[in-house]
Amino acid sequence: MRYVIGVCLVTGFLVWDAASNDGRFLGSTVRELSRLAAMVRL
């Protein structure tokens, strides 16, 4: 049940971010994860 609540919270945040902020938080998170992955590969 905890996982269902967690997935619902994450999904709700992503929908809110896309609707009200044009995906600004999601975009910055993806950029940071890409940057960290590039640092790990080096």
Protein backbone atom coordinates (compact mmCIF):
# COMPACT_ATOMS: atom_id res chain seq x y z
CA MET A 1 0.00 0.00 0.00
CA ARG A 2 2.92 2.34 0.69
CA TYR A 3 4.13 1.92 -2.88
CA VAL A 4 0.72 2.78 -4.29
CA ILE A 5 0.63 6.00 -2.25
CA GLY A 6 4.19 6.83 -3.34
CA VAL A 7 3.41 6.29 -7.01
CA CYS A 8 0.25 8.40 -6.71
CA LEU A 9 2.19 11.23 -5.06
CA VAL A 10 4.91 11.20 -7.71
CA THR A 11 2.36 11.04 -10.52
CA GLY A 12 0.36 13.87 -8.98
CA PHE A 13 3.50 16.01 -8.69
CA LEU A 14 4.44 15.36 -12.32
CA VAL A 15 0.95 16.28 -13.53
CA TRP A 16 0.96 19.44 -11.41
CA ASP A 17 4.42 20.39 -12.66
CA ALA A 18 3.46 19.88 -16.28
CA ALA A 19 0.18 21.76 -15.91
CA SER A 20 1.30 24.79 -13.92
CA ASN A 21 5.05 25.15 -14.52
CA ASP A 22 5.47 23.79 -18.07
CA GLY A 23 7.56 20.93 -16.68
CA ARG A 24 10.28 23.17 -15.27
CA PHE A 25 11.06 20.98 -12.25
CA LEU A 26 10.98 17.78 -14.27
CA GLY A 27 13.28 19.26 -16.90
CA SER A 28 15.81 20.46 -14.36
CA THR A 29 15.73 17.08 -12.59
CA VAL A 30 16.40 15.24 -15.85
CA ARG A 31 19.30 17.60 -16.66
CA GLU A 32 20.85 17.06 -13.23
CA LEU A 33 20.48 13.27 -13.47
CA SER A 34 22.10 13.32 -16.91
CA ARG A 35 24.96 15.40 -15.58
CA LEU A 36 25.47 13.06 -12.62
CA ALA A 37 25.37 10.01 -14.89
CA ALA A 38 28.05 11.58 -17.11
CA MET A 39 30.22 12.22 -14.04
CA VAL A 40 29.85 8.62 -12.88
CA ARG A 41 30.84 7.24 -16.29
CA LEU A 42 34.14 9.16 -16.23
